[in-house]
C-alpha atoms as a PDB file:
ATOM      1  CA  MET A   1     -15.362 129.531-180.884  1.00  0.00           C
ATOM      2  CA  THR A   2     -11.816 128.211-180.977  1.00  0.00           C
ATOM      3  CA  VAL A   3      -8.637 129.249-179.223  1.00  0.00           C
ATOM      4  CA  GLN A   4      -5.779 130.376-181.445  1.00  0.00           C
ATOM      5  CA  GLN A   5      -2.143 129.940-180.446  1.00  0.00           C
ATOM      6  CA  THR A   6      -0.109 133.167-180.491  1.00  0.00           C
ATOM      7  CA  PRO A   7       3.638 133.309-181.091  1.00  0.00           C
ATOM      8  CA  LEU A   8       6.057 133.808-178.221  1.00  0.00           C
ATOM      9  CA  THR A   9       6.994 137.279-177.099  1.00  0.00           C
ATOM     10  CA  PRO A  10      10.551 138.070-178.235  1.00  0.00           C
ATOM     11  CA  GLY A  11      13.071 137.472-175.460  1.00  0.00           C
ATOM     12  CA  ARG A  12      10.773 135.156-173.464  1.00  0.00           C
ATOM     13  CA  ARG A  13      11.859 131.569-172.998  1.00  0.00           C
ATOM     14  CA  PRO A  14       9.327 128.953-174.043  1.00  0.00           C
ATOM     15  CA  ASP A  15       7.495 127.038-171.311  1.00  0.00           C
ATOM     16  CA  PRO A  16       6.215 123.793-172.857  1.00  0.00           C
ATOM     17  CA  VAL A  17       3.872 123.094-169.917  1.00  0.00           C
ATOM     18  CA  ARG A  18       2.154 126.495-169.614  1.00  0.00           C
ATOM     19  CA  ASP A  19       2.471 128.107-173.058  1.00  0.00           C
ATOM     20  CA  PRO A  20      -0.174 125.954-174.795  1.00  0.00           C
ATOM     21  CA  TRP A  21      -2.793 127.328-172.362  1.00  0.00           C
ATOM     22  CA  ARG A  22      -1.989 131.061-172.524  1.00  0.00           C
ATOM     23  CA  ASP A  23      -4.573 131.932-175.177  1.00  0.00           C
ATOM     24  CA  ALA A  24      -7.328 130.008-173.402  1.00  0.00           C
ATOM     25  CA  MET A  25      -6.358 131.811-170.189  1.00  0.00           C
ATOM     26  CA  ARG A  26      -6.741 135.125-172.000  1.00  0.00           C
ATOM     27  CA  LEU A  27     -10.321 134.089-172.813  1.00  0.00           C
ATOM     28  CA  ALA A  28     -10.851 133.230-169.145  1.00  0.00           C
ATOM     29  CA  LEU A  29      -9.471 136.664-168.177  1.00  0.00           C
ATOM     30  CA  LYS A  30     -11.988 138.336-170.515  1.00  0.00           C
ATOM     31  CA  GLU A  31     -14.721 136.275-168.904  1.00  0.00           C
ATOM     32  CA  ALA A  32     -13.469 137.344-165.447  1.00  0.00           C
ATOM     33  CA  GLY A  33     -13.849 140.972-166.460  1.00  0.00           C
ATOM     34  CA  GLN A  34     -17.571 140.373-166.966  1.00  0.00           C
ATOM     35  CA  ALA A  35     -17.934 139.296-163.338  1.00  0.00           C
ATOM     36  CA  VAL A  36     -16.959 142.758-162.103  1.00  0.00           C
ATOM     37  CA  ARG A  37     -19.906 144.330-163.921  1.00  0.00           C
ATOM     38  CA  GLY A  38     -22.231 142.196-161.799  1.00  0.00           C
ATOM     39  CA  GLY A  39     -20.373 143.070-158.596  1.00  0.00           C
ATOM     40  CA  ASP A  40     -18.673 139.685-158.393  1.00  0.00           C
ATOM     41  CA  VAL A  41     -15.079 138.686-157.729  1.00  0.00           C
ATOM     42  CA  PRO A  42     -13.353 138.586-161.143  1.00  0.00           C
ATOM     43  CA  VAL A  43     -12.881 134.890-161.815  1.00  0.00           C
ATOM     44  CA  GLY A  44     -13.419 133.459-165.279  1.00  0.00           C
ATOM     45  CA  ALA A  45     -13.364 129.918-166.651  1.00  0.00           C
ATOM     46  CA  VAL A  46     -13.344 128.211-170.041  1.00  0.00           C
ATOM     47  CA  VAL A  47     -13.933 124.520-170.842  1.00  0.00           C
ATOM     48  CA  LEU A  48     -12.094 123.281-173.905  1.00  0.00           C
ATOM     49  CA  ALA A  49     -13.114 120.206-175.890  1.00  0.00           C
ATOM     50  CA  GLU A  50     -10.856 117.220-176.421  1.00  0.00           C
ATOM     51  CA  ASP A  51      -9.060 119.018-179.283  1.00  0.00           C
ATOM     52  CA  GLY A  52      -7.808 121.652-176.820  1.00  0.00           C
ATOM     53  CA  THR A  53      -9.053 124.568-178.907  1.00  0.00           C
ATOM     54  CA  THR A  54     -12.850 124.341-179.235  1.00  0.00           C
ATOM     55  CA  VAL A  55     -14.626 126.209-176.442  1.00  0.00           C
ATOM     56  CA  LEU A  56     -17.524 124.151-175.046  1.00  0.00           C
ATOM     57  CA  GLY A  57     -18.496 126.486-172.215  1.00  0.00           C
ATOM     58  CA  THR A  58     -17.521 129.648-170.408  1.00  0.00           C
ATOM     59  CA  GLY A  59     -18.412 131.159-167.073  1.00  0.00           C
ATOM     60  CA  HIS A  60     -17.617 133.926-164.661  1.00  0.00           C
ATOM     61  CA  ASN A  61     -18.581 134.391-161.040  1.00  0.00           C
ATOM     62  CA  GLU A  62     -22.273 135.277-160.750  1.00  0.00           C
ATOM     63  CA  ARG A  63     -22.938 134.817-157.032  1.00  0.00           C
ATOM     64  CA  GLU A  64     -23.801 138.462-156.408  1.00  0.00           C
ATOM     65  CA  ALA A  65     -25.639 138.861-159.703  1.00  0.00           C
ATOM     66  CA  THR A  66     -27.836 135.785-159.194  1.00  0.00           C
ATOM     67  CA  GLY A  67     -27.862 135.266-155.420  1.00  0.00           C
ATOM     68  CA  ASP A  68     -26.685 131.697-156.039  1.00  0.00           C
ATOM     69  CA  PRO A  69     -23.846 130.559-153.739  1.00  0.00           C
ATOM     70  CA  THR A  70     -22.843 127.873-156.254  1.00  0.00           C
ATOM     71  CA  ALA A  71     -22.515 130.307-159.181  1.00  0.00           C
ATOM     72  CA  HIS A  72     -18.731 130.071-159.355  1.00  0.00           C
ATOM     73  CA  ALA A  73     -17.060 130.486-162.734  1.00  0.00           C
ATOM     74  CA  GLU A  74     -15.975 126.835-162.893  1.00  0.00           C
ATOM     75  CA  VAL A  75     -19.404 125.409-162.040  1.00  0.00           C
ATOM     76  CA  LEU A  76     -21.143 127.603-164.617  1.00  0.00           C
ATOM     77  CA  ALA A  77     -18.587 126.743-167.309  1.00  0.00           C
ATOM     78  CA  LEU A  78     -18.969 123.017-166.543  1.00  0.00           C
ATOM     79  CA  ARG A  79     -22.779 123.243-166.731  1.00  0.00           C
ATOM     80  CA  ARG A  80     -22.646 125.025-170.085  1.00  0.00           C
ATOM     81  CA  ALA A  81     -20.034 122.641-171.478  1.00  0.00           C
ATOM     82  CA  ALA A  82     -22.055 119.596-170.404  1.00  0.00           C
ATOM     83  CA  ALA A  83     -25.190 121.058-171.982  1.00  0.00           C
ATOM     84  CA  ARG A  84     -23.376 121.733-175.255  1.00  0.00           C
ATOM     85  CA  ALA A  85     -21.656 118.325-175.274  1.00  0.00           C
ATOM     86  CA  GLY A  86     -24.888 116.556-174.341  1.00  0.00           C
ATOM     87  CA  ARG A  87     -23.234 114.608-171.536  1.00  0.00           C
ATOM     88  CA  TRP A  88     -22.149 115.149-167.949  1.00  0.00           C
ATOM     89  CA  ARG A  89     -18.874 113.262-168.310  1.00  0.00           C
ATOM     90  CA  LEU A  90     -16.420 115.755-169.736  1.00  0.00           C
ATOM     91  CA  SER A  91     -13.628 113.217-170.276  1.00  0.00           C
ATOM     92  CA  GLY A  92     -10.924 114.601-172.527  1.00  0.00           C
ATOM     93  CA  CYS A  93     -11.828 118.199-171.701  1.00  0.00           C
ATOM     94  CA  THR A  94      -9.722 120.889-170.059  1.00  0.00           C
ATOM     95  CA  LEU A  95     -10.977 123.568-167.691  1.00  0.00           C
ATOM     96  CA  VAL A  96      -8.954 126.797-167.713  1.00  0.00           C
ATOM     97  CA  VAL A  97      -9.651 129.182-164.810  1.00  0.00           C
ATOM     98  CA  THR A  98      -8.055 132.415-163.622  1.00  0.00           C
ATOM     99  CA  LEU A  99      -7.953 131.432-159.922  1.00  0.00           C
ATOM    100  CA  GLU A 100      -7.108 128.116-158.300  1.00  0.00           C
ATOM    101  CA  PRO A 101     -10.397 126.255-157.705  1.00  0.00           C
ATOM    102  CA  CYS A 102     -11.989 126.115-154.249  1.00  0.00           C
ATOM    103  CA  THR A 103     -13.105 122.824-152.661  1.00  0.00           C
ATOM    104  CA  MET A 104     -16.621 123.021-154.147  1.00  0.00           C
ATOM    105  CA  CYS A 105     -15.294 123.605-157.650  1.00  0.00           C
ATOM    106  CA  ALA A 106     -12.547 121.010-157.263  1.00  0.00           C
ATOM    107  CA  GLY A 107     -15.212 118.473-156.297  1.00  0.00           C
ATOM    108  CA  ALA A 108     -17.273 119.401-159.355  1.00  0.00           C
ATOM    109  CA  LEU A 109     -14.190 119.039-161.553  1.00  0.00           C
ATOM    110  CA  VAL A 110     -13.443 115.573-160.195  1.00  0.00           C
ATOM    111  CA  LEU A 111     -17.067 114.489-160.635  1.00  0.00           C
ATOM    112  CA  SER A 112     -17.252 115.864-164.190  1.00  0.00           C
ATOM    113  CA  ARG A 113     -14.211 113.754-165.127  1.00  0.00           C
ATOM    114  CA  VAL A 114     -12.289 116.561-166.868  1.00  0.00           C
ATOM    115  CA  ASP A 115      -8.810 115.427-167.886  1.00  0.00           C
ATOM    116  CA  ARG A 116      -7.015 118.631-167.001  1.00  0.00           C
ATOM    117  CA  VAL A 117      -7.363 121.743-164.844  1.00  0.00           C
ATOM    118  CA  VAL A 118      -5.279 124.781-165.751  1.00  0.00           C
ATOM    119  CA  TYR A 119      -5.302 127.768-163.408  1.00  0.00           C
ATOM    120  CA  GLY A 120      -3.654 131.167-163.203  1.00  0.00           C
ATOM    121  CA  ALA A 121      -3.301 132.628-159.708  1.00  0.00           C
ATOM    122  CA  ARG A 122      -2.824 130.551-156.556  1.00  0.00           C
ATOM    123  CA  ASP A 123      -5.396 130.915-153.792  1.00  0.00           C
ATOM    124  CA  ASP A 124      -3.552 130.437-150.519  1.00  0.00           C
ATOM    125  CA  LYS A 125      -6.751 131.057-148.514  1.00  0.00           C
ATOM    126  CA  ALA A 126      -9.146 128.670-150.249  1.00  0.00           C
ATOM    127  CA  GLY A 127      -7.314 126.844-153.053  1.00  0.00           C
ATOM    128  CA  ALA A 128      -8.001 123.128-153.463  1.00  0.00           C
ATOM    129  CA  ALA A 129      -5.510 122.344-156.225  1.00  0.00           C
ATOM    130  CA  GLY A 130      -2.383 122.321-154.106  1.00  0.00           C
ATOM    131  CA  SER A 131      -2.327 125.553-152.078  1.00  0.00           C
ATOM    132  CA  LEU A 132      -4.481 124.912-149.009  1.00  0.00           C
ATOM    133  CA  TRP A 133      -5.921 121.522-150.012  1.00  0.00           C
ATOM    134  CA  ASP A 134      -5.252 119.203-152.929  1.00  0.00           C
ATOM    135  CA  VAL A 135      -8.643 117.719-153.743  1.00  0.00           C
ATOM    136  CA  LEU A 136      -7.815 117.346-157.425  1.00  0.00           C
ATOM    137  CA  ARG A 137      -4.902 115.004-156.767  1.00  0.00           C
ATOM    138  CA  ASP A 138      -6.271 113.182-153.729  1.00  0.00           C
ATOM    139  CA  ARG A 139      -5.425 109.495-154.208  1.00  0.00           C
ATOM    140  CA  ARG A 140      -8.569 108.452-152.353  1.00  0.00           C
ATOM    141  CA  LEU A 141     -10.766 109.744-155.181  1.00  0.00           C
ATOM    142  CA  ASN A 142     -11.595 107.751-158.297  1.00  0.00           C
ATOM    143  CA  HIS A 143     -10.574 110.490-160.737  1.00  0.00           C
ATOM    144  CA  ARG A 144      -7.560 112.784-160.609  1.00  0.00           C
ATOM    145  CA  PRO A 145      -7.174 115.335-163.403  1.00  0.00           C
ATOM    146  CA  GLU A 146      -3.815 116.705-164.419  1.00  0.00           C
ATOM    147  CA  VAL A 147      -3.199 120.084-162.749  1.00  0.00           C
ATOM    148  CA  ILE A 148      -1.201 122.899-164.348  1.00  0.00           C
ATOM    149  CA  GLY A 149      -0.867 126.086-162.316  1.00  0.00           C
ATOM    150  CA  GLY A 150       0.688 129.475-162.899  1.00  0.00           C
ATOM    151  CA  VAL A 151      -0.516 130.200-166.442  1.00  0.00           C
ATOM    152  CA  LEU A 152      -0.513 134.008-166.805  1.00  0.00           C
ATOM    153  CA  ALA A 153      -0.418 134.030-163.002  1.00  0.00           C
ATOM    154  CA  GLU A 154       0.663 137.651-162.715  1.00  0.00           C
ATOM    155  CA  GLU A 155      -2.152 138.949-164.927  1.00  0.00           C
ATOM    156  CA  CYS A 156      -4.714 136.828-163.071  1.00  0.00           C
ATOM    157  CA  ALA A 157      -3.462 137.933-159.655  1.00  0.00           C
ATOM    158  CA  THR A 158      -3.349 141.598-160.692  1.00  0.00           C
ATOM    159  CA  LEU A 159      -6.998 141.508-161.766  1.00  0.00           C
ATOM    160  CA  LEU A 160      -7.999 140.177-158.351  1.00  0.00           C
ATOM    161  CA  THR A 161      -5.730 142.571-156.430  1.00  0.00           C
ATOM    162  CA  GLU A 162      -7.136 145.604-158.259  1.00  0.00           C
ATOM    163  CA  PHE A 163     -10.685 144.436-157.625  1.00  0.00           C
ATOM    164  CA  PHE A 164     -10.173 144.047-153.874  1.00  0.00           C
ATOM    165  CA  ARG A 165      -8.117 147.233-153.619  1.00  0.00           C
ATOM    166  CA  GLY A 166     -11.115 149.123-155.007  1.00  0.00           C
ATOM    167  CA  ARG A 167     -13.414 147.764-152.304  1.00  0.00           C
END
């Protein structure tokens, strides 16, 4: 599967930092929708290959569905991408996720050596990519991926808000 770039909406100003990741974020949003069916918080993730368009792995939260506390969208997407790539080092890859990664996922992202992390909604309660902590850019670590936040942030936040409102 590959990500296709869609044209800009008329009247919207281009954003050269976030626009290239909008279509991949839409895939992550679709993945997040699958989490709800299993009773999980709607978070979805996609790992893109070095070319920025080939999807190596996807994941959505499966903690409730599997009883696994580590079954976060990012961790599952990383596992699947590593399996498909045949290596644990995902250098050159980009992880796109609907919610800012938590500390566990941020640690996994650093250890997997992804080049870039793109997220949608901020997580002021548990975010580890600049909101509460900044694990991904901690100078004490040996790898620091580029971080791009706010891609389709409103759509990502709305999905989460509607989920929790219904509980």
